[in-house]
Protein backbone atom coordinates (compact mmCIF):
# COMPACT_ATOMS: atom_id res chain seq x y z
CA UNK A 1 112.12 103.63 111.15
CA UNK A 2 109.98 101.19 109.15
CA UNK A 3 111.64 100.20 105.88
CA UNK A 4 109.50 100.01 102.74
CA UNK A 5 110.15 96.77 100.86
CA UNK A 6 107.28 96.84 98.35
CA UNK A 7 105.63 99.64 96.37
CA UNK A 8 102.22 98.84 94.83
CA UNK A 9 100.54 101.27 92.45
CA UNK A 10 97.10 101.41 90.91
CA UNK A 11 97.24 102.83 87.38
CA UNK A 12 94.23 104.85 86.17
CA UNK A 13 93.71 107.96 88.28
CA UNK A 14 96.77 107.08 90.37
CA UNK A 15 100.07 106.36 88.64
CA UNK A 16 98.85 107.64 85.28
CA UNK A 17 97.82 111.22 84.61
CA UNK A 18 94.49 112.14 83.05
CA UNK A 19 95.93 111.52 79.57
CA UNK A 20 97.04 107.99 80.57
CA UNK A 21 100.72 108.95 80.64
CA UNK A 22 103.42 109.05 83.29
CA UNK A 23 106.81 110.73 83.56
CA UNK A 24 108.98 107.88 82.36
CA UNK A 25 112.31 109.59 82.96
CA UNK A 26 111.40 110.51 86.53
CA UNK A 27 110.04 107.03 87.23
CA UNK A 28 113.18 105.41 85.76
CA UNK A 29 115.33 107.21 88.30
CA UNK A 30 113.02 106.12 91.14
CA UNK A 31 112.82 102.55 89.87
CA UNK A 32 116.58 102.14 89.52
CA UNK A 33 117.03 103.29 93.11
CA UNK A 34 114.25 100.97 94.34
CA UNK A 35 115.85 98.11 92.45
CA UNK A 36 119.24 98.92 93.98
CA UNK A 37 117.69 98.78 97.46
CA UNK A 38 115.77 95.56 96.75
CA UNK A 39 112.35 97.25 96.91
CA UNK A 40 109.78 95.33 94.87
CA UNK A 41 107.60 97.26 92.41
CA UNK A 42 104.07 95.96 91.81
CA UNK A 43 101.42 97.18 89.37
CA UNK A 44 98.02 96.52 90.97
CA UNK A 45 95.16 97.35 88.62
CA UNK A 46 91.76 96.25 87.44
CA UNK A 47 93.04 96.33 83.87
CA UNK A 48 94.16 93.52 81.61
CA UNK A 49 97.69 92.16 82.10
CA UNK A 50 98.51 92.56 78.40
CA UNK A 51 97.63 96.25 78.61
CA UNK A 52 99.45 96.84 81.89
CA UNK A 53 102.78 95.42 80.78
CA UNK A 54 102.72 97.66 77.69
CA UNK A 55 103.29 100.64 80.01
CA UNK A 56 106.60 99.13 81.18
CA UNK A 57 108.23 97.62 78.07
CA UNK A 58 111.75 97.71 79.47
CA UNK A 59 111.05 96.22 82.90
CA UNK A 60 107.84 94.18 82.51
CA UNK A 61 109.85 90.96 82.87
CA UNK A 62 111.37 92.02 86.19
CA UNK A 63 108.36 93.43 88.05
CA UNK A 64 105.09 91.95 89.33
CA UNK A 65 101.50 92.51 88.23
CA UNK A 66 98.33 92.12 90.26
CA UNK A 67 96.08 92.32 87.22
CA UNK A 68 92.30 92.13 86.74
CA UNK A 69 91.72 93.42 90.31
CA UNK A 70 93.69 90.51 91.76
CA UNK A 71 92.44 87.61 89.65
CA UNK A 72 95.73 87.09 87.85
CA UNK A 73 99.15 87.41 89.51
CA UNK A 74 102.36 87.49 87.46
CA UNK A 75 105.90 87.93 88.81
CA UNK A 76 108.81 88.25 86.40
CA UNK A 77 106.74 86.66 83.62
CA UNK A 78 105.85 83.73 85.90
CA UNK A 79 102.18 83.08 86.63
CA UNK A 80 101.70 82.66 90.37
CA UNK A 81 97.91 82.52 90.48
CA UNK A 82 94.91 82.63 88.17
CA UNK A 83 91.40 82.68 89.62
CA UNK A 84 88.27 81.45 87.89
CA UNK A 85 84.49 81.60 88.06
CA UNK A 86 82.62 78.34 87.63
CA UNK A 87 80.68 78.26 84.36
CA UNK A 88 77.48 77.87 86.35
CA UNK A 89 78.23 81.15 88.13
CA UNK A 90 79.10 82.86 84.83
CA UNK A 91 75.77 81.77 83.34
CA UNK A 92 73.88 82.90 86.43
CA UNK A 93 75.46 86.37 86.35
CA UNK A 94 74.83 86.65 82.60
CA UNK A 95 71.15 85.90 83.23
CA UNK A 96 70.99 88.78 85.71
CA UNK A 97 72.77 91.18 83.38
CA UNK A 98 70.53 90.29 80.45
CA UNK A 99 67.31 91.00 82.36
CA UNK A 100 67.37 94.63 81.22
CA UNK A 101 67.00 96.24 84.64
CA UNK A 102 70.04 98.48 84.11
CA UNK A 103 69.67 100.95 81.21
CA UNK A 104 72.63 101.30 78.85
CA UNK A 105 74.52 98.47 80.56
CA UNK A 106 77.55 97.29 78.61
CA UNK A 107 79.98 94.62 79.69
CA UNK A 108 82.95 92.43 78.86
CA UNK A 109 83.85 88.97 80.04
CA UNK A 110 87.52 88.88 81.03
CA UNK A 111 89.66 85.79 80.88
CA UNK A 112 93.25 84.62 80.95
CA UNK A 113 93.59 84.46 77.17
CA UNK A 114 91.44 87.44 76.22
CA UNK A 115 88.52 89.68 77.05
CA UNK A 116 85.27 89.01 75.19
CA UNK A 117 82.21 90.95 74.08
CA UNK A 118 78.98 89.60 72.68
CA UNK A 119 78.10 90.40 69.07
CA UNK A 120 76.18 93.64 68.72
CA UNK A 121 77.99 95.55 71.47
CA UNK A 122 78.20 99.33 71.04
CA UNK A 123 81.04 100.10 68.61
CA UNK A 124 82.03 103.42 70.21
CA UNK A 125 82.27 101.84 73.64
CA UNK A 126 84.30 98.92 72.25
CA UNK A 127 86.74 101.38 70.70
CA UNK A 128 87.31 102.88 74.13
CA UNK A 129 87.62 99.47 75.80
CA UNK A 130 90.35 98.42 73.38
CA UNK A 131 92.61 100.94 75.13
CA UNK A 132 92.22 98.83 78.28
CA UNK A 133 92.00 95.39 76.70
CA UNK A 134 94.75 94.73 74.19
CA UNK A 135 93.17 91.34 73.61
CA UNK A 136 89.44 91.62 72.88
CA UNK A 137 87.36 89.15 70.88
CA UNK A 138 83.76 88.97 69.71
CA UNK A 139 81.68 85.96 70.73
CA UNK A 140 78.14 84.84 69.97
CA UNK A 141 77.73 82.51 72.93
CA UNK A 142 79.66 81.53 76.03
CA UNK A 143 80.79 78.36 74.27
CA UNK A 144 82.97 80.53 72.00
CA UNK A 145 85.45 81.21 74.83
CA UNK A 146 86.43 77.54 74.89
CA UNK A 147 88.36 76.47 77.96
CA UNK A 148 89.59 79.96 78.85
CA UNK A 149 89.54 80.80 82.56
CA UNK A 150 86.98 83.59 83.12
CA UNK A 151 87.65 85.67 86.22
CA UNK A 152 85.98 89.07 85.82
CA UNK A 153 83.00 90.91 84.34
CA UNK A 154 83.86 94.50 83.38
CA UNK A 155 80.64 96.54 83.41
CA UNK A 156 79.83 100.08 82.40
CA UNK A 157 76.53 101.84 83.05
CA UNK A 158 75.00 105.11 84.19
CA UNK A 159 76.21 106.26 87.61
CA UNK A 160 72.53 106.48 88.59
CA UNK A 161 72.28 102.68 88.52
CA UNK A 162 75.69 101.67 89.87
CA UNK A 163 74.64 101.33 93.52
CA UNK A 164 71.51 99.38 92.56
CA UNK A 165 73.40 96.95 90.36
CA UNK A 166 76.12 96.40 92.94
CA UNK A 167 73.53 95.73 95.64
CA UNK A 168 71.68 93.31 93.37
CA UNK A 169 74.83 91.38 92.49
CA UNK A 170 75.99 91.17 96.09
CA UNK A 171 72.55 89.97 97.16
CA UNK A 172 71.55 87.61 94.35
CA UNK A 173 75.01 86.18 93.68
CA UNK A 174 76.40 86.31 97.20
CA UNK A 175 79.35 83.94 97.50
CA UNK A 176 79.63 83.56 93.72
CA UNK A 177 80.47 87.10 92.58
CA UNK A 178 81.38 90.35 94.33
CA UNK A 179 80.84 93.82 92.88
CA UNK A 180 83.43 96.57 93.19
CA UNK A 181 83.49 100.02 91.58
CA UNK A 182 86.40 102.06 90.27
CA UNK A 183 84.22 105.11 89.54
CA UNK A 184 82.86 106.78 86.38
CA UNK A 185 80.16 104.13 85.91
CA UNK A 186 82.64 101.26 85.91
CA UNK A 187 81.85 98.17 87.99
CA UNK A 188 83.83 94.94 88.11
CA UNK A 189 82.34 91.64 89.21
CA UNK A 190 85.10 89.51 90.67
CA UNK A 191 85.49 86.13 92.31
CA UNK A 192 84.86 86.84 96.03
CA UNK A 193 88.12 87.40 97.90
CA UNK A 194 90.24 87.75 94.77
CA UNK A 195 90.86 91.47 95.19
CA UNK A 196 94.08 93.47 95.02
CA UNK A 197 94.88 92.94 98.69
CA UNK A 198 94.81 89.18 98.21
CA UNK A 199 97.17 89.53 95.26
CA UNK A 200 99.59 91.60 97.33
CA UNK A 201 99.49 89.01 100.11
CA UNK A 202 100.47 86.26 97.67
CA UNK A 203 103.46 88.32 96.60
CA UNK A 204 104.30 89.25 100.18
CA UNK A 205 104.34 85.59 101.15
CA UNK A 206 106.56 84.82 98.19
CA UNK A 207 109.03 87.52 99.16
CA UNK A 208 108.67 87.40 102.97
CA UNK A 209 107.37 90.97 103.25
CA UNK A 210 105.08 92.19 106.03
CA UNK A 211 102.18 94.57 105.36
CA UNK A 212 104.07 96.98 107.63
CA UNK A 213 106.64 97.26 104.85
CA UNK A 214 104.22 97.97 101.99
CA UNK A 215 103.64 101.36 100.35
CA UNK A 216 100.41 101.34 98.29
CA UNK A 217 98.61 103.94 96.19
CA UNK A 218 95.02 103.99 94.93
CA UNK A 219 92.05 106.15 94.04
CA UNK A 220 89.01 103.88 93.66
CA UNK A 221 86.69 101.48 95.42
CA UNK A 222 88.65 98.53 94.08
CA UNK A 223 91.68 99.79 96.04
CA UNK A 224 90.00 99.80 99.46
CA UNK A 225 91.23 96.39 100.66
CA UNK A 226 94.76 97.08 99.45
CA UNK A 227 94.87 100.46 101.17
CA UNK A 228 93.43 99.11 104.40
CA UNK A 229 95.96 96.28 104.47
CA UNK A 230 99.12 98.31 103.75
CA UNK A 231 100.94 100.26 106.45
CA UNK A 232 101.91 103.13 104.16
CA UNK A 233 98.67 103.57 102.24
CA UNK A 234 98.12 106.70 100.16
CA UNK A 235 94.86 107.75 98.55
CA UNK A 236 95.26 110.21 95.74
CA UNK A 237 94.05 113.76 96.31
CA UNK A 238 91.64 113.18 93.42
CA UNK A 239 90.12 110.10 95.11
CA UNK A 240 86.59 110.03 96.59
CA UNK A 241 86.28 110.68 100.31
CA UNK A 242 85.58 107.03 101.20
CA UNK A 243 88.90 106.02 99.61
CA UNK A 244 90.74 108.75 101.52
CA UNK A 245 89.16 107.47 104.73
CA UNK A 246 90.46 103.96 104.03
CA UNK A 247 94.04 105.20 103.55
CA UNK A 248 96.43 106.54 106.16
CA UNK A 249 97.81 109.35 104.02
CA UNK A 250 96.91 111.44 100.99
CA UNK A 251 99.19 111.83 97.96
CA UNK A 252 99.12 114.81 95.59
CA UNK A 253 96.93 114.66 92.49
CA UNK A 254 97.62 112.06 89.82
CA UNK A 255 97.94 114.98 87.38
CA UNK A 256 100.80 116.31 89.54
CA UNK A 257 102.76 113.01 89.53
CA UNK A 258 101.68 112.47 93.12
CA UNK A 259 102.86 108.84 93.24
CA UNK A 260 106.35 109.76 92.12
CA UNK A 261 106.46 112.63 94.62
CA UNK A 262 105.72 110.21 97.47
CA UNK A 263 108.14 107.56 96.19
CA UNK A 264 110.89 110.19 96.10
CA UNK A 265 109.94 111.15 99.65
CA UNK A 266 110.17 107.49 100.68
CA UNK A 267 113.59 107.10 99.06
CA UNK A 268 114.78 110.25 100.84
CA UNK A 269 113.40 108.89 104.16
CA UNK A 270 111.25 111.96 104.68
CA UNK A 271 107.74 112.55 106.05
CA UNK A 272 106.07 109.37 107.36
CA UNK A 273 109.10 107.36 106.19
CA UNK A 274 111.55 109.17 108.47
């Protein structure tokens, strides 16, 4: 029997239901048992760290976060790693985004201290983004971010242009920025190699945990590396086919508390955990 020593969960479309909630009482029981057994719990998401920890107010200081798709790694309130684009690369990507080839493109710059939007951004979209970015500031130029470390562009555009934009970024900015999609017109541009799987590896090295002992859950393109790397990888039933193909198993729907169902199965040493 292979023992699970780390559980890593994506949030939107995975751990959270469609109303951005989770069964806190049920999770508390699972978490206390994982804690008793020494199983590490990791939140691995493309979202902002300040937003992610708000979901776990009672335990945020005792769990780990692979935030911003792997750009920023926090364990028990201790920063382990923070990636960064060079300012030259940021300016180059901004030039591409401002060329107007992608209708209705909207984007944020994401950094260690805050996320940023340029003046004049769509107010309705910003209202939605504030649910994901608890720190969000307006800027007029890149100079306004000061010495903040910038590690991600969070883009939103029509699904019709997602593949084109991703191909353009990966071609024009190869080696400087990598495009990954989480679905629904959302595309993140990240520092190449600083994905969720890299964040998990940093934590695994810290704790001496093999990928054979990792249980991971995801539903989007930004979970592919993490799911491929982890021995017990579960794509959600609501995930696209290419995500299911990257995982070894399929969990029930996020709306059916699929992650918690599988964690309970793991704790009971049933199914693939027997």
